[in-house]
Amino acid sequence: MNKYKILLSGKNNTIIDDFFSQMNDVFYLATTSTRYDDMIHHLEFYKPDIFVYCLKDETRDDLSRVMEHKRRLTREDVVTIIIGSQEDCENFQKVAIYMEDLALVKPISAGTIKEKIIQYMEEVEAEKEEQKLLQEKLAAIKAQQERKHVLVIDDDPIMLKLIKEHLHEQYDVATAISGKIAHKFLETKKTNLILLDYEMPVENGPEVMKKIREKEELADIPIIFLTGITEREKIRQALALKPQGYLLKPIDKEKLLGTIEKFI
């Protein structure tokens, strides 16, 4: 069971004494005065899970000073509990509107106080865990929806495997070992970017690119050539086809990822 850190304050010393004499086995305990600077100091350095204000004939000014800490307590995600008579609790609620998370009305035993605080904190933790799981689920759904797709066309199976390994953590990747297979893929599926081998048998990269560009629904897909060509004239010929870029083999992973990020 989690041993919660409680910061105690207020004029009811009897209740504060009960915490130290009967509840220090399940809570870490510290006290602070109602002075603003003192309470801020304890909140900053003690970092409590719970702030308990023990009420006894507080004046309106006393309660107004406590109310000054509402924003800080909320920001630090500190649970606020008040303990006192029915009258004291009602007077607190009139001045410090919506400040407390839990009100425990006397007469109430130390054992019951302990049980109710633990029960409330367990409910808070369960709700936080539920919210955390929900946020993680939503983040996963969003990431999946935003995940981009890359089609890699290359006649070398080893190259296809290598590029897929480079990209799979960030992108959904499909591979095609020929232009014919790639065209078939694009008839029914979408992609955000094409990595295209410049030199392939039967139908080379430029020919594959020409056919893709001829289709209106595919014309805007970024195409990056993959090539082992280093001759200046052949590179010029490749660039004349106006691909979005080209990468020299062997493919450098960081350069590959950086180039793709520019276009999708």
C-alpha atoms as a PDB file:
ATOM      1  CA  MET A   1       0.000   0.000   0.000  1.00  0.00           C
ATOM      2  CA  ASN A   2       1.244   3.463  -0.886  1.00  0.00           C
ATOM      3  CA  LYS A   3       2.271   5.527   2.156  1.00  0.00           C
ATOM      4  CA  TYR A   4       0.930   8.986   1.334  1.00  0.00           C
ATOM      5  CA  LYS A   5       2.650  12.218   2.342  1.00  0.00           C
ATOM      6  CA  ILE A   6       0.272  14.511   4.242  1.00  0.00           C
ATOM      7  CA  LEU A   7       0.829  18.173   5.071  1.00  0.00           C
ATOM      8  CA  LEU A   8      -1.335  19.277   8.025  1.00  0.00           C
ATOM      9  CA  SER A   9      -2.465  22.785   8.885  1.00  0.00           C
ATOM     10  CA  GLY A  10      -5.235  24.615  10.737  1.00  0.00           C
ATOM     11  CA  LYS A  11      -6.183  25.507  14.312  1.00  0.00           C
ATOM     12  CA  ASN A  12      -7.549  22.139  15.424  1.00  0.00           C
ATOM     13  CA  ASN A  13      -4.507  20.770  17.239  1.00  0.00           C
ATOM     14  CA  THR A  14      -6.513  17.833  18.591  1.00  0.00           C
ATOM     15  CA  ILE A  15      -7.051  16.447  15.095  1.00  0.00           C
ATOM     16  CA  ILE A  16      -3.410  17.142  14.162  1.00  0.00           C
ATOM     17  CA  ASP A  17      -2.271  15.266  17.293  1.00  0.00           C
ATOM     18  CA  ASP A  18      -4.531  12.341  16.341  1.00  0.00           C
ATOM     19  CA  PHE A  19      -2.747  12.089  12.997  1.00  0.00           C
ATOM     20  CA  PHE A  20       0.672  11.873  14.638  1.00  0.00           C
ATOM     21  CA  SER A  21      -0.368   9.524  17.448  1.00  0.00           C
ATOM     22  CA  GLN A  22      -2.693   7.184  15.542  1.00  0.00           C
ATOM     23  CA  MET A  23      -1.971   7.476  11.806  1.00  0.00           C
ATOM     24  CA  ASN A  24       1.787   7.813  11.421  1.00  0.00           C
ATOM     25  CA  ASP A  25       1.960   4.108  10.596  1.00  0.00           C
ATOM     26  CA  VAL A  26       0.215   4.659   7.241  1.00  0.00           C
ATOM     27  CA  PHE A  27       1.051   8.296   6.429  1.00  0.00           C
ATOM     28  CA  TYR A  28       4.176  10.423   6.267  1.00  0.00           C
ATOM     29  CA  LEU A  29       3.245  13.545   8.246  1.00  0.00           C
ATOM     30  CA  ALA A  30       4.390  17.162   8.434  1.00  0.00           C
ATOM     31  CA  THR A  31       2.775  20.371   9.670  1.00  0.00           C
ATOM     32  CA  THR A  32       2.754  23.967   8.504  1.00  0.00           C
ATOM     33  CA  SER A  33       1.292  27.192   9.790  1.00  0.00           C
ATOM     34  CA  THR A  34      -1.360  29.074   7.816  1.00  0.00           C
ATOM     35  CA  ARG A  35       1.116  31.811   6.866  1.00  0.00           C
ATOM     36  CA  TYR A  36       1.398  32.071   3.091  1.00  0.00           C
ATOM     37  CA  ASP A  37       5.209  31.908   2.895  1.00  0.00           C
ATOM     38  CA  ASP A  38       5.393  29.001   5.344  1.00  0.00           C
ATOM     39  CA  MET A  39       2.826  26.942   3.450  1.00  0.00           C
ATOM     40  CA  ILE A  40       4.469  27.666   0.076  1.00  0.00           C
ATOM     41  CA  HIS A  41       7.811  26.590   1.529  1.00  0.00           C
ATOM     42  CA  HIS A  42       6.372  23.275   2.754  1.00  0.00           C
ATOM     43  CA  LEU A  43       4.524  22.637  -0.494  1.00  0.00           C
ATOM     44  CA  GLU A  44       7.699  23.212  -2.479  1.00  0.00           C
ATOM     45  CA  PHE A  45      10.108  21.167  -0.403  1.00  0.00           C
ATOM     46  CA  TYR A  46       7.898  18.525   1.244  1.00  0.00           C
ATOM     47  CA  LYS A  47       5.870  17.849  -1.928  1.00  0.00           C
ATOM     48  CA  PRO A  48       2.832  16.308  -0.217  1.00  0.00           C
ATOM     49  CA  ASP A  49       0.250  14.099  -1.851  1.00  0.00           C
ATOM     50  CA  ILE A  50      -2.454  15.477   0.442  1.00  0.00           C
ATOM     51  CA  PHE A  51      -3.079  18.791   2.198  1.00  0.00           C
ATOM     52  CA  VAL A  52      -5.314  18.404   5.279  1.00  0.00           C
ATOM     53  CA  TYR A  53      -6.771  21.509   6.883  1.00  0.00           C
ATOM     54  CA  CYS A  54      -7.992  20.843  10.433  1.00  0.00           C
ATOM     55  CA  LEU A  55     -10.751  23.341  11.193  1.00  0.00           C
ATOM     56  CA  LYS A  56     -11.638  24.948  14.533  1.00  0.00           C
ATOM     57  CA  ASP A  57     -13.338  28.336  14.741  1.00  0.00           C
ATOM     58  CA  GLU A  58     -11.345  29.811  11.807  1.00  0.00           C
ATOM     59  CA  THR A  59     -12.129  33.423  11.018  1.00  0.00           C
ATOM     60  CA  ARG A  60     -13.045  34.544   7.531  1.00  0.00           C
ATOM     61  CA  ASP A  61      -9.544  36.019   7.193  1.00  0.00           C
ATOM     62  CA  ASP A  62      -8.005  32.647   8.140  1.00  0.00           C
ATOM     63  CA  LEU A  63     -10.022  30.903   5.454  1.00  0.00           C
ATOM     64  CA  SER A  64      -9.256  33.583   2.871  1.00  0.00           C
ATOM     65  CA  ARG A  65      -5.526  32.978   3.412  1.00  0.00           C
ATOM     66  CA  VAL A  66      -6.028  29.267   2.811  1.00  0.00           C
ATOM     67  CA  MET A  67      -7.977  30.059  -0.351  1.00  0.00           C
ATOM     68  CA  GLU A  68      -4.888  31.866  -1.699  1.00  0.00           C
ATOM     69  CA  HIS A  69      -3.221  28.455  -2.013  1.00  0.00           C
ATOM     70  CA  LYS A  70      -5.954  26.876  -4.120  1.00  0.00           C
ATOM     71  CA  ARG A  71      -4.218  27.492  -7.455  1.00  0.00           C
ATOM     72  CA  ARG A  72      -0.878  26.212  -6.176  1.00  0.00           C
ATOM     73  CA  LEU A  73      -2.446  23.063  -4.708  1.00  0.00           C
ATOM     74  CA  THR A  74      -4.311  22.380  -7.937  1.00  0.00           C
ATOM     75  CA  ARG A  75      -1.203  22.945 -10.064  1.00  0.00           C
ATOM     76  CA  GLU A  76       0.856  20.596  -7.896  1.00  0.00           C
ATOM     77  CA  ASP A  77      -1.945  17.988  -8.062  1.00  0.00           C
ATOM     78  CA  VAL A  78      -2.278  17.940  -4.265  1.00  0.00           C
ATOM     79  CA  VAL A  79      -5.530  16.518  -2.871  1.00  0.00           C
ATOM     80  CA  THR A  80      -7.161  18.920  -0.397  1.00  0.00           C
ATOM     81  CA  ILE A  81      -9.113  17.541   2.587  1.00  0.00           C
ATOM     82  CA  ILE A  82     -10.872  19.456   5.342  1.00  0.00           C
ATOM     83  CA  ILE A  83     -11.778  18.016   8.753  1.00  0.00           C
ATOM     84  CA  GLY A  84     -13.989  19.760  11.293  1.00  0.00           C
ATOM     85  CA  SER A  85     -17.434  20.184  12.718  1.00  0.00           C
ATOM     86  CA  GLN A  86     -20.441  20.558  10.452  1.00  0.00           C
ATOM     87  CA  GLU A  87     -20.457  24.303  11.081  1.00  0.00           C
ATOM     88  CA  ASP A  88     -16.714  24.727  10.465  1.00  0.00           C
ATOM     89  CA  CYS A  89     -16.861  22.736   7.241  1.00  0.00           C
ATOM     90  CA  GLU A  90     -19.843  24.742   5.984  1.00  0.00           C
ATOM     91  CA  ASN A  91     -18.121  28.050   6.811  1.00  0.00           C
ATOM     92  CA  PHE A  92     -15.001  26.865   4.964  1.00  0.00           C
ATOM     93  CA  GLN A  93     -17.023  25.911   1.901  1.00  0.00           C
ATOM     94  CA  LYS A  94     -18.737  29.312   1.830  1.00  0.00           C
ATOM     95  CA  VAL A  95     -15.400  31.138   1.657  1.00  0.00           C
ATOM     96  CA  ALA A  96     -13.075  28.647  -0.074  1.00  0.00           C
ATOM     97  CA  ILE A  97     -15.509  27.651  -2.801  1.00  0.00           C
ATOM     98  CA  TYR A  98     -14.737  24.314  -4.522  1.00  0.00           C
ATOM     99  CA  MET A  99     -11.353  24.153  -2.806  1.00  0.00           C
ATOM    100  CA  GLU A 100     -11.631  20.844  -0.954  1.00  0.00           C
ATOM    101  CA  ASP A 101     -11.721  17.457  -2.646  1.00  0.00           C
ATOM    102  CA  LEU A 102     -13.029  15.694   0.457  1.00  0.00           C
ATOM    103  CA  ALA A 103     -14.762  16.950   3.627  1.00  0.00           C
ATOM    104  CA  LEU A 104     -14.733  14.800   6.783  1.00  0.00           C
ATOM    105  CA  VAL A 105     -17.222  15.985   9.387  1.00  0.00           C
ATOM    106  CA  LYS A 106     -16.694  15.511  13.144  1.00  0.00           C
ATOM    107  CA  PRO A 107     -17.476  13.575  15.210  1.00  0.00           C
ATOM    108  CA  ILE A 108     -15.328  11.052  13.368  1.00  0.00           C
ATOM    109  CA  SER A 109     -12.742   8.645  14.750  1.00  0.00           C
ATOM    110  CA  ALA A 110      -9.091   8.599  13.755  1.00  0.00           C
ATOM    111  CA  GLY A 111      -9.601   5.107  12.345  1.00  0.00           C
ATOM    112  CA  THR A 112     -12.442   6.273  10.121  1.00  0.00           C
ATOM    113  CA  ILE A 113     -10.420   9.297   8.986  1.00  0.00           C
ATOM    114  CA  LYS A 114      -7.613   6.944   8.022  1.00  0.00           C
ATOM    115  CA  GLU A 115      -9.948   4.618   6.114  1.00  0.00           C
ATOM    116  CA  LYS A 116     -11.709   7.412   4.244  1.00  0.00           C
ATOM    117  CA  ILE A 117      -8.470   9.103   3.185  1.00  0.00           C
ATOM    118  CA  ILE A 118      -6.977   5.830   1.937  1.00  0.00           C
ATOM    119  CA  GLN A 119     -10.209   4.935   0.115  1.00  0.00           C
ATOM    120  CA  TYR A 120     -10.361   8.351  -1.532  1.00  0.00           C
ATOM    121  CA  MET A 121      -6.711   8.250  -2.628  1.00  0.00           C
ATOM    122  CA  GLU A 122      -7.140   4.758  -4.071  1.00  0.00           C
ATOM    123  CA  GLU A 123     -10.089   6.059  -6.091  1.00  0.00           C
ATOM    124  CA  VAL A 124      -7.983   9.017  -7.273  1.00  0.00           C
ATOM    125  CA  GLU A 125      -5.134   6.716  -8.310  1.00  0.00           C
ATOM    126  CA  ALA A 126      -7.524   4.354 -10.106  1.00  0.00           C
ATOM    127  CA  GLU A 127      -9.007   7.291 -12.018  1.00  0.00           C
ATOM    128  CA  LYS A 128      -5.526   8.575 -12.916  1.00  0.00           C
ATOM    129  CA  GLU A 129      -4.512   5.133 -14.150  1.00  0.00           C
ATOM    130  CA  GLU A 130      -7.686   4.915 -16.205  1.00  0.00           C
ATOM    131  CA  GLN A 131      -7.000   8.341 -17.703  1.00  0.00           C
ATOM    132  CA  LYS A 132      -3.393   7.382 -18.394  1.00  0.00           C
ATOM    133  CA  LEU A 133      -4.456   4.219 -20.229  1.00  0.00           C
ATOM    134  CA  LEU A 134      -7.034   6.203 -22.192  1.00  0.00           C
ATOM    135  CA  GLN A 135      -4.453   8.824 -23.188  1.00  0.00           C
ATOM    136  CA  GLU A 136      -1.994   6.110 -24.223  1.00  0.00           C
ATOM    137  CA  LYS A 137      -4.699   4.436 -26.307  1.00  0.00           C
ATOM    138  CA  LEU A 138      -5.660   7.723 -27.971  1.00  0.00           C
ATOM    139  CA  ALA A 139      -1.994   8.545 -28.603  1.00  0.00           C
ATOM    140  CA  ALA A 140      -1.474   5.132 -30.201  1.00  0.00           C
ATOM    141  CA  ILE A 141      -4.544   5.596 -32.406  1.00  0.00           C
ATOM    142  CA  LYS A 142      -3.374   9.077 -33.407  1.00  0.00           C
ATOM    143  CA  ALA A 143       0.131   7.853 -34.145  1.00  0.00           C
ATOM    144  CA  GLN A 144      -1.273   5.043 -36.264  1.00  0.00           C
ATOM    145  CA  GLN A 145      -3.520   7.466 -38.154  1.00  0.00           C
ATOM    146  CA  GLU A 146      -0.630   9.856 -38.757  1.00  0.00           C
ATOM    147  CA  ARG A 147       1.869   7.152 -39.708  1.00  0.00           C
ATOM    148  CA  LYS A 148       2.969   7.692 -43.300  1.00  0.00           C
ATOM    149  CA  HIS A 149       3.432   5.045 -45.964  1.00  0.00           C
ATOM    150  CA  VAL A 150       6.466   4.460 -48.163  1.00  0.00           C
ATOM    151  CA  LEU A 151       6.598   2.225 -51.252  1.00  0.00           C
ATOM    152  CA  VAL A 152      10.063   0.881 -52.130  1.00  0.00           C
ATOM    153  CA  ILE A 153      10.639  -0.398 -55.687  1.00  0.00           C
ATOM    154  CA  ASP A 154      13.904  -2.247 -56.279  1.00  0.00           C
ATOM    155  CA  ASP A 155      14.843  -5.482 -58.051  1.00  0.00           C
ATOM    156  CA  ASP A 156      17.337  -6.387 -55.296  1.00  0.00           C
ATOM    157  CA  PRO A 157      15.603  -8.302 -52.419  1.00  0.00           C
ATOM    158  CA  ILE A 158      18.508  -7.537 -50.084  1.00  0.00           C
ATOM    159  CA  MET A 159      18.126  -3.806 -50.747  1.00  0.00           C
ATOM    160  CA  LEU A 160      14.372  -4.027 -50.122  1.00  0.00           C
ATOM    161  CA  LYS A 161      14.943  -5.793 -46.807  1.00  0.00           C
ATOM    162  CA  LEU A 162      17.602  -3.288 -45.724  1.00  0.00           C
ATOM    163  CA  ILE A 163      15.469  -0.236 -46.491  1.00  0.00           C
ATOM    164  CA  LYS A 164      12.458  -1.768 -44.750  1.00  0.00           C
ATOM    165  CA  GLU A 165      14.568  -2.314 -41.650  1.00  0.00           C
ATOM    166  CA  HIS A 166      15.689   1.332 -41.790  1.00  0.00           C
ATOM    167  CA  LEU A 167      12.137   2.652 -42.070  1.00  0.00           C
ATOM    168  CA  HIS A 168       9.766   0.310 -40.229  1.00  0.00           C
ATOM    169  CA  GLU A 169       9.943   2.132 -36.868  1.00  0.00           C
ATOM    170  CA  GLN A 170       8.677   5.393 -38.374  1.00  0.00           C
ATOM    171  CA  TYR A 171       6.751   4.373 -41.494  1.00  0.00           C
ATOM    172  CA  ASP A 172       4.512   1.705 -42.892  1.00  0.00           C
ATOM    173  CA  VAL A 173       6.541   0.176 -45.712  1.00  0.00           C
ATOM    174  CA  ALA A 174       5.521  -1.841 -48.763  1.00  0.00           C
ATOM    175  CA  THR A 175       8.022  -3.318 -51.215  1.00  0.00           C
ATOM    176  CA  ALA A 176       7.870  -4.216 -54.896  1.00  0.00           C
ATOM    177  CA  ILE A 177      10.546  -6.118 -56.775  1.00  0.00           C
ATOM    178  CA  SER A 178       9.516  -4.712 -60.153  1.00  0.00           C
ATOM    179  CA  GLY A 179       7.624  -1.879 -61.788  1.00  0.00           C
ATOM    180  CA  LYS A 180       4.839  -4.284 -62.741  1.00  0.00           C
ATOM    181  CA  ILE A 181       4.219  -5.236 -59.110  1.00  0.00           C
ATOM    182  CA  ALA A 182       4.405  -1.585 -58.067  1.00  0.00           C
ATOM    183  CA  HIS A 183       1.786  -0.539 -60.627  1.00  0.00           C
ATOM    184  CA  LYS A 184      -0.494  -3.317 -59.408  1.00  0.00           C
ATOM    185  CA  PHE A 185      -0.050  -2.139 -55.819  1.00  0.00           C
ATOM    186  CA  LEU A 186      -0.881   1.471 -56.705  1.00  0.00           C
ATOM    187  CA  GLU A 187      -4.104   0.452 -58.419  1.00  0.00           C
ATOM    188  CA  THR A 188      -5.738  -0.332 -55.074  1.00  0.00           C
ATOM    189  CA  LYS A 189      -3.528   1.163 -52.357  1.00  0.00           C
ATOM    190  CA  LYS A 190      -2.139   4.561 -51.458  1.00  0.00           C
ATOM    191  CA  THR A 191       1.342   5.649 -50.541  1.00  0.00           C
ATOM    192  CA  ASN A 192       2.871   8.936 -49.394  1.00  0.00           C
ATOM    193  CA  LEU A 193       6.279   8.519 -51.045  1.00  0.00           C
ATOM    194  CA  ILE A 194       8.057   6.199 -53.483  1.00  0.00           C
ATOM    195  CA  LEU A 195      11.691   5.109 -53.283  1.00  0.00           C
ATOM    196  CA  LEU A 196      12.526   3.969 -56.806  1.00  0.00           C
ATOM    197  CA  ASP A 197      15.583   2.080 -58.030  1.00  0.00           C
ATOM    198  CA  TYR A 198      16.973   3.886 -61.089  1.00  0.00           C
ATOM    199  CA  GLU A 199      18.366   0.798 -62.841  1.00  0.00           C
ATOM    200  CA  MET A 200      16.143  -2.292 -63.052  1.00  0.00           C
ATOM    201  CA  PRO A 201      15.651  -4.947 -65.739  1.00  0.00           C
ATOM    202  CA  VAL A 202      12.548  -5.027 -67.994  1.00  0.00           C
ATOM    203  CA  GLU A 203      11.267  -1.677 -66.796  1.00  0.00           C
ATOM    204  CA  ASN A 204      13.810   0.744 -65.363  1.00  0.00           C
ATOM    205  CA  GLY A 205      13.227   3.513 -62.854  1.00  0.00           C
ATOM    206  CA  PRO A 206      12.576   6.330 -65.351  1.00  0.00           C
ATOM    207  CA  GLU A 207      10.009   4.175 -67.182  1.00  0.00           C
ATOM    208  CA  VAL A 208       8.240   3.304 -63.935  1.00  0.00           C
ATOM    209  CA  MET A 209       8.236   6.965 -62.936  1.00  0.00           C
ATOM    210  CA  LYS A 210       6.807   8.037 -66.308  1.00  0.00           C
ATOM    211  CA  LYS A 211       3.868   5.636 -65.977  1.00  0.00           C
ATOM    212  CA  ILE A 212       3.173   6.794 -62.396  1.00  0.00           C
ATOM    213  CA  ARG A 213       3.253  10.464 -63.394  1.00  0.00           C
ATOM    214  CA  GLU A 214       0.834   9.836 -66.264  1.00  0.00           C
ATOM    215  CA  LYS A 215      -1.897   8.911 -63.789  1.00  0.00           C
ATOM    216  CA  GLU A 216      -3.539  12.021 -62.364  1.00  0.00           C
ATOM    217  CA  GLU A 217      -4.286  10.456 -58.971  1.00  0.00           C
ATOM    218  CA  LEU A 218      -0.604   9.458 -58.572  1.00  0.00           C
ATOM    219  CA  ALA A 219       1.096  12.464 -60.133  1.00  0.00           C
ATOM    220  CA  ASP A 220       1.771  14.279 -56.876  1.00  0.00           C
ATOM    221  CA  ILE A 221       3.403  11.384 -55.017  1.00  0.00           C
ATOM    222  CA  PRO A 222       7.032  12.327 -54.209  1.00  0.00           C
ATOM    223  CA  ILE A 223       9.535  10.023 -55.941  1.00  0.00           C
ATOM    224  CA  ILE A 224      13.141   9.610 -54.819  1.00  0.00           C
ATOM    225  CA  PHE A 225      15.563   7.650 -56.989  1.00  0.00           C
ATOM    226  CA  LEU A 226      17.885   5.072 -55.477  1.00  0.00           C
ATOM    227  CA  THR A 227      20.941   4.674 -57.618  1.00  0.00           C
ATOM    228  CA  GLY A 228      24.438   3.283 -57.650  1.00  0.00           C
ATOM    229  CA  ILE A 229      25.323   5.626 -60.528  1.00  0.00           C
ATOM    230  CA  THR A 230      28.057   8.126 -59.739  1.00  0.00           C
ATOM    231  CA  GLU A 231      28.758   9.470 -63.219  1.00  0.00           C
ATOM    232  CA  ARG A 232      27.857  13.156 -63.436  1.00  0.00           C
ATOM    233  CA  GLU A 233      26.064  12.841 -66.796  1.00  0.00           C
ATOM    234  CA  LYS A 234      23.822  10.005 -65.655  1.00  0.00           C
ATOM    235  CA  ILE A 235      22.970  11.869 -62.446  1.00  0.00           C
ATOM    236  CA  ARG A 236      22.058  14.885 -64.593  1.00  0.00           C
ATOM    237  CA  GLN A 237      19.803  12.671 -66.703  1.00  0.00           C
ATOM    238  CA  ALA A 238      18.120  11.339 -63.560  1.00  0.00           C
ATOM    239  CA  LEU A 239      17.520  14.833 -62.204  1.00  0.00           C
ATOM    240  CA  ALA A 240      16.128  15.975 -65.565  1.00  0.00           C
ATOM    241  CA  LEU A 241      13.164  13.680 -64.899  1.00  0.00           C
ATOM    242  CA  LYS A 242      12.365  15.954 -61.914  1.00  0.00           C
ATOM    243  CA  PRO A 243      12.193  13.456 -59.075  1.00  0.00           C
ATOM    244  CA  GLN A 244      12.030  14.975 -55.571  1.00  0.00           C
ATOM    245  CA  GLY A 245      15.582  13.740 -55.017  1.00  0.00           C
ATOM    246  CA  TYR A 246      18.011  10.879 -55.341  1.00  0.00           C
ATOM    247  CA  LEU A 247      20.099   8.806 -52.944  1.00  0.00           C
ATOM    248  CA  LEU A 248      23.294   7.000 -53.769  1.00  0.00           C
ATOM    249  CA  LYS A 249      23.782   3.366 -52.858  1.00  0.00           C
ATOM    250  CA  PRO A 250      24.846   1.998 -50.461  1.00  0.00           C
ATOM    251  CA  ILE A 251      22.028   3.742 -48.604  1.00  0.00           C
ATOM    252  CA  ASP A 252      22.917   5.676 -45.456  1.00  0.00           C
ATOM    253  CA  LYS A 253      20.102   5.297 -42.902  1.00  0.00           C
ATOM    254  CA  GLU A 254      20.267   8.827 -41.473  1.00  0.00           C
ATOM    255  CA  LYS A 255      20.418  10.416 -44.911  1.00  0.00           C
ATOM    256  CA  LEU A 256      17.514   8.224 -46.041  1.00  0.00           C
ATOM    257  CA  LEU A 257      15.340   9.255 -43.096  1.00  0.00           C
ATOM    258  CA  GLY A 258      16.315  12.902 -43.443  1.00  0.00           C
ATOM    259  CA  THR A 259      15.442  12.948 -47.136  1.00  0.00           C
ATOM    260  CA  ILE A 260      12.056  11.291 -46.605  1.00  0.00           C
ATOM    261  CA  GLU A 261      11.181  13.733 -43.807  1.00  0.00           C
ATOM    262  CA  LYS A 262      11.531  16.621 -46.245  1.00  0.00           C
ATOM    263  CA  PHE A 263       8.645  15.368 -48.355  1.00  0.00           C
ATOM    264  CA  ILE A 264       6.174  13.643 -46.010  1.00  0.00           C
END
